Amino acid sequence: MTKYTKDQLELKSYIEKLNKKHMDKVRANTDPNIMYCTVPEVVPFSELDKFAENGIVSVLDYKKDQCVMYISEFGKSATGSRVRIDPNEHTLEELEEMEKYWIEQSNIAQEEEYNRKAQNVSNLAKRIKETCKLGAKDYRTAIKWILEADELEEDKSYQGDQLCWEFDIPFKHKKLFQLARVA
């Protein structure tokens, strides 16, 4: 039988408390539109072995690892590439500050993307109206002319998703291309 350190047993207890808190939230959920992932409330000792293989043998190591993961994820959301941090070069407080920073940057990037896509929807709508004024008999014809002018092909394979991507608009607008019979 493997002997575990006091720190490892505290880590096991800490994770189990987090998991229990999460599962309490899952069980309390009555909204069928919200899907939570489930986690084991009892952490098997084999998980401690896996953590130890990755240098995580205490609650502090675990918290630092979580911060590094969030920094990586939110950094990618903000910049498009992962931010690499060595947890051994920083204190937990420094990592938490970095995590807050990258969360803010991610939120800013998401807001900018939302605004850019909203502007692109507006621009496409104006372009369709202008094309109709230039002689297109309806919006279907206008969209076909716009695709031709932009050297884009109909999007039958992806039901409009490709055209949404090309025009950098939210995918919820693919119905526009489907109704225009170009997707």
N, C-alpha and C. Protein backbone atom coordinates (compact mmCIF):
# COMPACT_ATOMS: atom_id res chain seq x y z
N MET A 1 0.84 -1.18 0.00
CA MET A 1 0.00 0.00 0.00
C MET A 1 0.89 1.25 0.00
N THR A 2 0.52 2.20 -0.81
CA THR A 2 1.27 3.44 -0.93
C THR A 2 1.00 4.32 0.28
N LYS A 3 2.06 4.92 0.78
CA LYS A 3 1.90 5.87 1.89
C LYS A 3 1.75 7.26 1.29
N TYR A 4 0.79 8.00 1.82
CA TYR A 4 0.56 9.36 1.35
C TYR A 4 0.93 10.33 2.46
N THR A 5 1.46 11.48 2.04
CA THR A 5 1.87 12.50 3.01
C THR A 5 0.64 13.21 3.56
N LYS A 6 0.86 13.93 4.63
CA LYS A 6 -0.22 14.73 5.23
C LYS A 6 -0.74 15.74 4.20
N ASP A 7 0.17 16.36 3.44
CA ASP A 7 -0.23 17.33 2.42
C ASP A 7 -1.11 16.68 1.35
N GLN A 8 -0.76 15.46 0.95
CA GLN A 8 -1.56 14.78 -0.07
C GLN A 8 -2.95 14.43 0.46
N LEU A 9 -3.04 14.02 1.70
CA LEU A 9 -4.35 13.71 2.28
C LEU A 9 -5.19 14.98 2.43
N GLU A 10 -4.54 16.10 2.77
CA GLU A 10 -5.26 17.38 2.82
C GLU A 10 -5.74 17.78 1.43
N LEU A 11 -4.90 17.51 0.42
CA LEU A 11 -5.29 17.80 -0.96
C LEU A 11 -6.51 16.99 -1.35
N LYS A 12 -6.51 15.71 -1.03
CA LYS A 12 -7.65 14.84 -1.32
C LYS A 12 -8.91 15.40 -0.66
N SER A 13 -8.82 15.77 0.59
CA SER A 13 -9.96 16.32 1.31
C SER A 13 -10.42 17.64 0.69
N TYR A 14 -9.48 18.49 0.32
CA TYR A 14 -9.80 19.79 -0.30
C TYR A 14 -10.57 19.58 -1.60
N ILE A 15 -10.09 18.69 -2.45
CA ILE A 15 -10.76 18.45 -3.74
C ILE A 15 -12.14 17.84 -3.51
N GLU A 16 -12.24 16.94 -2.56
CA GLU A 16 -13.54 16.34 -2.27
C GLU A 16 -14.54 17.39 -1.80
N LYS A 17 -14.09 18.37 -1.01
CA LYS A 17 -14.98 19.44 -0.57
C LYS A 17 -15.44 20.29 -1.76
N LEU A 18 -14.50 20.60 -2.67
CA LEU A 18 -14.87 21.35 -3.87
C LEU A 18 -15.87 20.56 -4.71
N ASN A 19 -15.60 19.28 -4.88
CA ASN A 19 -16.48 18.44 -5.69
C ASN A 19 -17.86 18.31 -5.06
N LYS A 20 -17.92 18.19 -3.75
CA LYS A 20 -19.21 18.10 -3.06
C LYS A 20 -20.00 19.39 -3.26
N LYS A 21 -19.32 20.51 -3.11
CA LYS A 21 -19.98 21.80 -3.31
C LYS A 21 -20.53 21.90 -4.73
N HIS A 22 -19.74 21.46 -5.71
CA HIS A 22 -20.18 21.47 -7.10
C HIS A 22 -21.39 20.56 -7.30
N MET A 23 -21.31 19.35 -6.74
CA MET A 23 -22.41 18.39 -6.92
C MET A 23 -23.68 18.86 -6.20
N ASP A 24 -23.54 19.57 -5.10
CA ASP A 24 -24.72 20.15 -4.44
C ASP A 24 -25.41 21.13 -5.40
N LYS A 25 -24.61 21.90 -6.13
CA LYS A 25 -25.15 22.84 -7.12
C LYS A 25 -25.84 22.06 -8.25
N VAL A 26 -25.23 20.97 -8.67
CA VAL A 26 -25.81 20.14 -9.73
C VAL A 26 -27.17 19.60 -9.29
N ARG A 27 -27.21 19.06 -8.08
CA ARG A 27 -28.46 18.47 -7.57
C ARG A 27 -29.53 19.54 -7.35
N ALA A 28 -29.14 20.76 -7.02
CA ALA A 28 -30.10 21.84 -6.78
C ALA A 28 -30.62 22.45 -8.08
N ASN A 29 -29.96 22.17 -9.19
CA ASN A 29 -30.35 22.74 -10.47
C ASN A 29 -31.71 22.21 -10.91
N THR A 30 -32.64 23.10 -11.18
CA THR A 30 -33.95 22.70 -11.69
C THR A 30 -34.19 23.20 -13.11
N ASP A 31 -33.23 23.92 -13.65
CA ASP A 31 -33.35 24.47 -15.00
C ASP A 31 -32.83 23.43 -16.00
N PRO A 32 -33.72 22.87 -16.84
CA PRO A 32 -33.28 21.85 -17.79
C PRO A 32 -32.35 22.40 -18.88
N ASN A 33 -32.28 23.73 -19.01
CA ASN A 33 -31.40 24.32 -20.02
C ASN A 33 -29.96 24.45 -19.54
N ILE A 34 -29.74 24.23 -18.25
CA ILE A 34 -28.38 24.30 -17.71
C ILE A 34 -27.87 22.89 -17.50
N MET A 35 -26.77 22.58 -18.14
CA MET A 35 -26.18 21.26 -18.00
C MET A 35 -24.85 21.39 -17.28
N TYR A 36 -24.75 20.79 -16.12
CA TYR A 36 -23.50 20.78 -15.37
C TYR A 36 -22.82 19.43 -15.59
N CYS A 37 -21.51 19.45 -15.60
CA CYS A 37 -20.81 18.17 -15.62
C CYS A 37 -20.79 17.64 -14.19
N THR A 38 -20.74 16.34 -14.08
CA THR A 38 -20.69 15.75 -12.75
C THR A 38 -19.24 15.40 -12.42
N VAL A 39 -18.94 15.39 -11.16
CA VAL A 39 -17.60 15.06 -10.68
C VAL A 39 -17.75 14.09 -9.51
N PRO A 40 -16.75 13.25 -9.31
CA PRO A 40 -16.86 12.30 -8.19
C PRO A 40 -16.70 13.04 -6.85
N GLU A 41 -17.56 12.69 -5.91
CA GLU A 41 -17.47 13.33 -4.60
C GLU A 41 -16.35 12.71 -3.76
N VAL A 42 -15.99 11.48 -4.09
CA VAL A 42 -14.87 10.83 -3.41
C VAL A 42 -13.75 10.68 -4.42
N VAL A 43 -12.60 11.24 -4.10
CA VAL A 43 -11.45 11.19 -5.00
C VAL A 43 -10.66 9.92 -4.69
N PRO A 44 -10.51 9.05 -5.68
CA PRO A 44 -9.74 7.83 -5.43
C PRO A 44 -8.26 8.16 -5.22
N PHE A 45 -7.60 7.33 -4.47
CA PHE A 45 -6.19 7.56 -4.20
C PHE A 45 -5.36 7.54 -5.48
N SER A 46 -5.83 6.84 -6.50
CA SER A 46 -5.09 6.81 -7.77
C SER A 46 -4.95 8.21 -8.35
N GLU A 47 -5.94 9.09 -8.05
CA GLU A 47 -5.84 10.48 -8.51
C GLU A 47 -4.68 11.20 -7.83
N LEU A 48 -4.46 10.90 -6.57
CA LEU A 48 -3.32 11.50 -5.87
C LEU A 48 -2.01 11.10 -6.54
N ASP A 49 -1.95 9.86 -6.99
CA ASP A 49 -0.75 9.40 -7.69
C ASP A 49 -0.55 10.18 -8.99
N LYS A 50 -1.65 10.41 -9.71
CA LYS A 50 -1.56 11.18 -10.97
C LYS A 50 -1.13 12.62 -10.68
N PHE A 51 -1.71 13.21 -9.65
CA PHE A 51 -1.32 14.57 -9.28
C PHE A 51 0.17 14.61 -8.93
N ALA A 52 0.62 13.64 -8.16
CA ALA A 52 2.03 13.60 -7.74
C ALA A 52 2.95 13.49 -8.94
N GLU A 53 2.54 12.73 -9.96
CA GLU A 53 3.34 12.62 -11.19
C GLU A 53 3.53 13.98 -11.85
N ASN A 54 2.56 14.86 -11.65
CA ASN A 54 2.63 16.21 -12.23
C ASN A 54 3.12 17.25 -11.23
N GLY A 55 3.67 16.79 -10.12
CA GLY A 55 4.24 17.71 -9.14
C GLY A 55 3.23 18.38 -8.24
N ILE A 56 2.01 17.87 -8.18
CA ILE A 56 0.97 18.46 -7.35
C ILE A 56 0.78 17.56 -6.14
N VAL A 57 1.32 18.01 -5.01
CA VAL A 57 1.27 17.18 -3.81
C VAL A 57 0.68 17.91 -2.61
N SER A 58 0.20 19.13 -2.83
CA SER A 58 -0.39 19.89 -1.73
C SER A 58 -1.52 20.77 -2.26
N VAL A 59 -2.29 21.31 -1.35
CA VAL A 59 -3.38 22.23 -1.73
C VAL A 59 -2.79 23.44 -2.45
N LEU A 60 -1.66 23.95 -1.98
CA LEU A 60 -1.03 25.09 -2.63
C LEU A 60 -0.65 24.75 -4.07
N ASP A 61 -0.05 23.58 -4.28
CA ASP A 61 0.30 23.15 -5.64
C ASP A 61 -0.95 23.07 -6.52
N TYR A 62 -2.03 22.54 -5.96
CA TYR A 62 -3.27 22.39 -6.70
C TYR A 62 -3.84 23.76 -7.08
N LYS A 63 -3.86 24.68 -6.13
CA LYS A 63 -4.38 26.02 -6.41
C LYS A 63 -3.53 26.71 -7.48
N LYS A 64 -2.22 26.56 -7.38
CA LYS A 64 -1.34 27.16 -8.39
C LYS A 64 -1.61 26.54 -9.77
N ASP A 65 -1.79 25.22 -9.79
CA ASP A 65 -2.07 24.54 -11.05
C ASP A 65 -3.38 25.03 -11.65
N GLN A 66 -4.39 25.22 -10.82
CA GLN A 66 -5.67 25.74 -11.30
C GLN A 66 -5.50 27.14 -11.88
N CYS A 67 -4.73 27.98 -11.19
CA CYS A 67 -4.48 29.34 -11.70
C CYS A 67 -3.79 29.29 -13.05
N VAL A 68 -2.78 28.44 -13.17
CA VAL A 68 -2.04 28.32 -14.44
C VAL A 68 -2.98 27.88 -15.56
N MET A 69 -3.88 26.93 -15.25
CA MET A 69 -4.84 26.46 -16.24
C MET A 69 -5.75 27.61 -16.69
N TYR A 70 -6.27 28.37 -15.72
CA TYR A 70 -7.16 29.47 -16.07
C TYR A 70 -6.41 30.57 -16.83
N ILE A 71 -5.19 30.85 -16.44
CA ILE A 71 -4.39 31.85 -17.16
C ILE A 71 -4.22 31.41 -18.61
N SER A 72 -3.92 30.13 -18.81
CA SER A 72 -3.76 29.60 -20.15
C SER A 72 -5.05 29.73 -20.96
N GLU A 73 -6.17 29.33 -20.37
CA GLU A 73 -7.45 29.36 -21.08
C GLU A 73 -7.91 30.79 -21.38
N PHE A 74 -7.89 31.65 -20.37
CA PHE A 74 -8.33 33.02 -20.59
C PHE A 74 -7.35 33.80 -21.45
N GLY A 75 -6.07 33.49 -21.34
CA GLY A 75 -5.08 34.11 -22.21
C GLY A 75 -5.34 33.75 -23.66
N LYS A 76 -5.69 32.49 -23.91
CA LYS A 76 -6.01 32.06 -25.28
C LYS A 76 -7.26 32.76 -25.78
N SER A 77 -8.24 32.90 -24.91
CA SER A 77 -9.46 33.59 -25.28
C SER A 77 -9.18 35.05 -25.63
N ALA A 78 -8.24 35.66 -24.91
CA ALA A 78 -7.94 37.07 -25.11
C ALA A 78 -7.03 37.32 -26.30
N THR A 79 -6.06 36.43 -26.53
CA THR A 79 -5.03 36.70 -27.53
C THR A 79 -5.02 35.74 -28.70
N GLY A 80 -5.67 34.60 -28.55
CA GLY A 80 -5.63 33.59 -29.60
C GLY A 80 -4.53 32.56 -29.41
N SER A 81 -3.66 32.77 -28.46
CA SER A 81 -2.62 31.77 -28.17
C SER A 81 -2.49 31.61 -26.66
N ARG A 82 -2.02 30.48 -26.26
CA ARG A 82 -1.93 30.17 -24.83
C ARG A 82 -0.79 30.93 -24.16
N VAL A 83 -1.06 31.39 -22.96
CA VAL A 83 -0.06 32.05 -22.14
C VAL A 83 0.58 30.95 -21.28
N ARG A 84 1.90 30.86 -21.35
CA ARG A 84 2.62 29.82 -20.58
C ARG A 84 3.22 30.44 -19.33
N ILE A 85 2.95 29.83 -18.21
CA ILE A 85 3.43 30.31 -16.91
C ILE A 85 4.02 29.12 -16.15
N ASP A 86 5.17 29.33 -15.54
CA ASP A 86 5.75 28.32 -14.66
C ASP A 86 5.28 28.62 -13.24
N PRO A 87 4.45 27.75 -12.66
CA PRO A 87 3.91 28.04 -11.33
C PRO A 87 4.99 28.12 -10.25
N ASN A 88 6.12 27.52 -10.49
CA ASN A 88 7.19 27.53 -9.49
C ASN A 88 7.93 28.87 -9.44
N GLU A 89 7.71 29.71 -10.43
CA GLU A 89 8.37 31.01 -10.47
C GLU A 89 7.54 32.11 -9.83
N HIS A 90 6.32 31.77 -9.40
CA HIS A 90 5.40 32.79 -8.87
C HIS A 90 4.73 32.30 -7.60
N THR A 91 4.35 33.24 -6.76
CA THR A 91 3.56 32.91 -5.58
C THR A 91 2.12 32.71 -6.01
N LEU A 92 1.33 32.12 -5.12
CA LEU A 92 -0.10 31.95 -5.41
C LEU A 92 -0.76 33.31 -5.62
N GLU A 93 -0.39 34.28 -4.82
CA GLU A 93 -0.99 35.62 -4.95
C GLU A 93 -0.67 36.23 -6.32
N GLU A 94 0.56 36.07 -6.78
CA GLU A 94 0.93 36.59 -8.11
C GLU A 94 0.14 35.88 -9.20
N LEU A 95 0.00 34.58 -9.07
CA LEU A 95 -0.77 33.82 -10.06
C LEU A 95 -2.24 34.24 -10.05
N GLU A 96 -2.79 34.48 -8.87
CA GLU A 96 -4.19 34.93 -8.79
C GLU A 96 -4.37 36.30 -9.44
N GLU A 97 -3.39 37.17 -9.28
CA GLU A 97 -3.43 38.48 -9.94
C GLU A 97 -3.37 38.32 -11.46
N MET A 98 -2.49 37.44 -11.92
CA MET A 98 -2.39 37.18 -13.36
C MET A 98 -3.70 36.60 -13.89
N GLU A 99 -4.30 35.70 -13.11
CA GLU A 99 -5.57 35.11 -13.51
C GLU A 99 -6.63 36.19 -13.65
N LYS A 100 -6.74 37.10 -12.69
CA LYS A 100 -7.70 38.21 -12.77
C LYS A 100 -7.45 39.06 -14.01
N TYR A 101 -6.17 39.34 -14.27
CA TYR A 101 -5.81 40.15 -15.44
C TYR A 101 -6.30 39.47 -16.73
N TRP A 102 -6.02 38.17 -16.87
CA TRP A 102 -6.39 37.49 -18.10
C TRP A 102 -7.89 37.29 -18.22
N ILE A 103 -8.58 37.19 -17.11
CA ILE A 103 -10.05 37.15 -17.15
C ILE A 103 -10.57 38.48 -17.70
N GLU A 104 -10.02 39.59 -17.21
CA GLU A 104 -10.42 40.91 -17.70
C GLU A 104 -10.12 41.05 -19.19
N GLN A 105 -8.92 40.61 -19.59
CA GLN A 105 -8.55 40.71 -21.00
C GLN A 105 -9.46 39.85 -21.87
N SER A 106 -9.82 38.68 -21.39
CA SER A 106 -10.73 37.80 -22.12
C SER A 106 -12.10 38.45 -22.26
N ASN A 107 -12.59 39.06 -21.19
CA ASN A 107 -13.88 39.75 -21.26
C ASN A 107 -13.85 40.90 -22.25
N ILE A 108 -12.75 41.64 -22.26
CA ILE A 108 -12.59 42.75 -23.22
C ILE A 108 -12.60 42.21 -24.65
N ALA A 109 -11.86 41.14 -24.88
CA ALA A 109 -11.79 40.55 -26.22
C ALA A 109 -13.16 40.04 -26.67
N GLN A 110 -13.90 39.42 -25.75
CA GLN A 110 -15.24 38.93 -26.10
C GLN A 110 -16.18 40.08 -26.42
N GLU A 111 -16.07 41.17 -25.66
CA GLU A 111 -16.91 42.34 -25.93
C GLU A 111 -16.56 42.95 -27.29
N GLU A 112 -15.27 43.03 -27.59
CA GLU A 112 -14.84 43.56 -28.88
C GLU A 112 -15.34 42.68 -30.02
N GLU A 113 -15.26 41.36 -29.83
CA GLU A 113 -15.74 40.44 -30.87
C GLU A 113 -17.24 40.60 -31.06
N TYR A 114 -17.97 40.71 -29.97
CA TYR A 114 -19.41 40.90 -30.05
C TYR A 114 -19.74 42.18 -30.83
N ASN A 115 -19.07 43.27 -30.49
CA ASN A 115 -19.31 44.55 -31.17
C ASN A 115 -18.93 44.48 -32.64
N ARG A 116 -17.79 43.83 -32.94
CA ARG A 116 -17.35 43.71 -34.33
C ARG A 116 -18.37 42.93 -35.14
N LYS A 117 -18.85 41.82 -34.57
CA LYS A 117 -19.81 41.00 -35.31
C LYS A 117 -21.14 41.72 -35.47
N ALA A 118 -21.55 42.46 -34.46
CA ALA A 118 -22.79 43.24 -34.57
C ALA A 118 -22.65 44.28 -35.68
N GLN A 119 -21.49 44.93 -35.76
CA GLN A 119 -21.24 45.90 -36.83
C GLN A 119 -21.24 45.22 -38.19
N ASN A 120 -20.70 44.02 -38.26
CA ASN A 120 -20.67 43.28 -39.53
C ASN A 120 -22.07 42.88 -39.97
N VAL A 121 -22.94 42.54 -39.02
CA VAL A 121 -24.33 42.24 -39.35
C VAL A 121 -24.99 43.49 -39.93
N SER A 122 -24.76 44.61 -39.27
CA SER A 122 -25.32 45.88 -39.74
C SER A 122 -24.81 46.22 -41.15
N ASN A 123 -23.51 46.04 -41.34
CA ASN A 123 -22.91 46.33 -42.65
C ASN A 123 -23.49 45.43 -43.75
N LEU A 124 -23.68 44.14 -43.43
CA LEU A 124 -24.25 43.22 -44.42
C LEU A 124 -25.69 43.62 -44.74
N ALA A 125 -26.46 43.99 -43.72
CA ALA A 125 -27.85 44.41 -43.95
C ALA A 125 -27.89 45.64 -44.85
N LYS A 126 -27.01 46.61 -44.60
CA LYS A 126 -26.94 47.81 -45.45
C LYS A 126 -26.56 47.43 -46.87
N ARG A 127 -25.62 46.52 -46.97
CA ARG A 127 -25.16 46.11 -48.30
C ARG A 127 -26.28 45.43 -49.08
N ILE A 128 -27.08 44.62 -48.40
CA ILE A 128 -28.22 43.97 -49.06
C ILE A 128 -29.22 45.02 -49.53
N LYS A 129 -29.51 46.01 -48.67
CA LYS A 129 -30.45 47.08 -49.05
C LYS A 129 -29.92 47.87 -50.24
N GLU A 130 -28.63 48.21 -50.20
CA GLU A 130 -28.03 48.96 -51.30
C GLU A 130 -28.07 48.16 -52.60
N THR A 131 -27.84 46.87 -52.51
CA THR A 131 -27.86 46.02 -53.70
C THR A 131 -29.28 45.95 -54.26
N CYS A 132 -30.27 45.94 -53.39
CA CYS A 132 -31.67 45.97 -53.86
C CYS A 132 -31.96 47.29 -54.59
N LYS A 133 -31.42 48.40 -54.05
CA LYS A 133 -31.60 49.70 -54.71
C LYS A 133 -30.93 49.74 -56.07
N LEU A 134 -29.85 48.94 -56.22
CA LEU A 134 -29.13 48.91 -57.49
C LEU A 134 -29.79 48.01 -58.53
N GLY A 135 -30.88 47.33 -58.15
CA GLY A 135 -31.60 46.54 -59.14
C GLY A 135 -31.95 45.12 -58.75
N ALA A 136 -31.45 44.63 -57.66
CA ALA A 136 -31.84 43.28 -57.25
C ALA A 136 -33.32 43.30 -56.89
N LYS A 137 -34.08 42.33 -57.42
CA LYS A 137 -35.53 42.36 -57.22
C LYS A 137 -35.95 42.03 -55.79
N ASP A 138 -35.10 41.30 -55.04
CA ASP A 138 -35.41 40.97 -53.64
C ASP A 138 -34.10 40.66 -52.91
N TYR A 139 -34.22 40.39 -51.61
CA TYR A 139 -33.00 40.17 -50.84
C TYR A 139 -32.29 38.88 -51.26
N ARG A 140 -33.04 37.89 -51.75
CA ARG A 140 -32.39 36.65 -52.21
C ARG A 140 -31.44 36.94 -53.37
N THR A 141 -31.93 37.71 -54.30
CA THR A 141 -31.10 38.08 -55.45
C THR A 141 -29.92 38.94 -54.99
N ALA A 142 -30.19 39.85 -54.08
CA ALA A 142 -29.13 40.72 -53.57
C ALA A 142 -28.01 39.90 -52.93
N ILE A 143 -28.38 38.91 -52.13
CA ILE A 143 -27.37 38.07 -51.48
C ILE A 143 -26.58 37.29 -52.52
N LYS A 144 -27.25 36.78 -53.53
CA LYS A 144 -26.54 36.05 -54.59
C LYS A 144 -25.55 36.97 -55.31
N TRP A 145 -25.96 38.21 -55.58
CA TRP A 145 -25.06 39.17 -56.23
C TRP A 145 -23.87 39.49 -55.33
N ILE A 146 -24.13 39.65 -54.04
CA ILE A 146 -23.05 39.96 -53.09
C ILE A 146 -22.04 38.81 -53.05
N LEU A 147 -22.55 37.58 -53.02
CA LEU A 147 -21.65 36.42 -53.02
C LEU A 147 -20.80 36.40 -54.29
N GLU A 148 -21.44 36.68 -55.39
CA GLU A 148 -20.71 36.71 -56.67
C GLU A 148 -19.65 37.81 -56.67
N ALA A 149 -20.01 38.99 -56.17
CA ALA A 149 -19.06 40.12 -56.13
C ALA A 149 -17.88 39.80 -55.21
N ASP A 150 -18.13 39.07 -54.13
CA ASP A 150 -17.07 38.73 -53.18
C ASP A 150 -16.36 37.42 -53.54
N GLU A 151 -16.75 36.87 -54.69
CA GLU A 151 -16.18 35.61 -55.17
C GLU A 151 -16.35 34.48 -54.15
N LEU A 152 -17.54 34.44 -53.56
CA LEU A 152 -17.88 33.39 -52.61
C LEU A 152 -18.89 32.46 -53.27
N GLU A 153 -18.81 31.20 -52.89
CA GLU A 153 -19.73 30.22 -53.46
C GLU A 153 -20.86 29.94 -52.49
N GLU A 154 -21.92 29.33 -53.02
CA GLU A 154 -23.03 28.94 -52.16
C GLU A 154 -22.51 27.95 -51.12
N ASP A 155 -23.18 27.89 -49.99
CA ASP A 155 -22.72 27.10 -48.85
C ASP A 155 -23.68 25.96 -48.56
N LYS A 156 -23.79 25.03 -49.49
CA LYS A 156 -24.72 23.91 -49.30
C LYS A 156 -24.16 22.89 -48.30
N SER A 157 -22.85 22.77 -48.21
CA SER A 157 -22.24 21.76 -47.34
C SER A 157 -22.40 22.08 -45.86
N TYR A 158 -22.32 23.37 -45.50
CA TYR A 158 -22.34 23.74 -44.08
C TYR A 158 -23.59 24.52 -43.69
N GLN A 159 -24.62 24.50 -44.52
CA GLN A 159 -25.92 25.12 -44.25
C GLN A 159 -25.83 26.58 -43.81
N GLY A 160 -24.85 27.32 -44.32
CA GLY A 160 -24.74 28.75 -44.03
C GLY A 160 -23.64 29.10 -43.05
N ASP A 161 -23.12 28.12 -42.34
CA ASP A 161 -22.05 28.40 -41.36
C ASP A 161 -20.82 29.00 -42.03
N GLN A 162 -20.45 28.46 -43.19
CA GLN A 162 -19.27 28.97 -43.89
C GLN A 162 -19.46 30.44 -44.28
N LEU A 163 -20.65 30.78 -44.74
CA LEU A 163 -20.90 32.18 -45.13
C LEU A 163 -20.91 33.10 -43.91
N CYS A 164 -21.43 32.61 -42.80
CA CYS A 164 -21.36 33.41 -41.56
C CYS A 164 -19.91 33.66 -41.20
N TRP A 165 -19.09 32.63 -41.35
CA TRP A 165 -17.66 32.78 -41.04
C TRP A 165 -17.02 33.77 -42.01
N GLU A 166 -17.33 33.66 -43.30
CA GLU A 166 -16.75 34.55 -44.31
C GLU A 166 -17.11 36.02 -44.05
N PHE A 167 -18.36 36.26 -43.65
CA PHE A 167 -18.79 37.63 -43.37
C PHE A 167 -18.53 38.05 -41.93
N ASP A 168 -17.99 37.14 -41.13
CA ASP A 168 -17.66 37.38 -39.72
C ASP A 168 -18.89 37.88 -38.95
N ILE A 169 -19.96 37.10 -39.07
CA ILE A 169 -21.18 37.40 -38.34
C ILE A 169 -21.54 36.18 -37.49
N PRO A 170 -22.36 36.35 -36.45
CA PRO A 170 -22.73 35.20 -35.61
C PRO A 170 -23.43 34.11 -36.42
N PHE A 171 -23.19 32.88 -36.04
CA PHE A 171 -23.75 31.74 -36.77
C PHE A 171 -25.26 31.68 -36.70
N LYS A 172 -25.86 32.37 -35.75
CA LYS A 172 -27.32 32.37 -35.66
C LYS A 172 -27.95 33.01 -36.90
N HIS A 173 -27.16 33.74 -37.70
CA HIS A 173 -27.68 34.40 -38.90
C HIS A 173 -27.61 33.52 -40.14
N LYS A 174 -27.24 32.25 -39.99
CA LYS A 174 -27.15 31.38 -41.16
C LYS A 174 -28.51 31.18 -41.82
N LYS A 175 -29.57 31.38 -41.04
CA LYS A 175 -30.92 31.25 -41.60
C LYS A 175 -31.13 32.23 -42.76
N LEU A 176 -30.50 33.38 -42.69
CA LEU A 176 -30.58 34.37 -43.77
C LEU A 176 -30.12 33.74 -45.09
N PHE A 177 -29.01 33.03 -45.04
CA PHE A 177 -28.48 32.40 -46.25
C PHE A 177 -29.31 31.20 -46.67
N GLN A 178 -29.88 30.51 -45.68
CA GLN A 178 -30.74 29.37 -46.02
C GLN A 178 -32.01 29.85 -46.71
N LEU A 179 -32.62 30.93 -46.20
CA LEU A 179 -33.83 31.46 -46.83
C LEU A 179 -33.54 32.05 -48.22
N ALA A 180 -32.33 32.51 -48.40
CA ALA A 180 -31.94 33.04 -49.71
C ALA A 180 -31.58 31.91 -50.69
N ARG A 181 -31.63 30.69 -50.18
CA ARG A 181 -31.34 29.48 -50.96
C ARG A 181 -29.90 29.43 -51.48
N VAL A 182 -29.00 29.98 -50.68
CA VAL A 182 -27.58 29.87 -51.04
C VAL A 182 -26.85 28.98 -50.03
N ALA A 183 -27.63 28.40 -49.14
CA ALA A 183 -27.06 27.47 -48.16
C ALA A 183 -28.03 26.33 -47.94
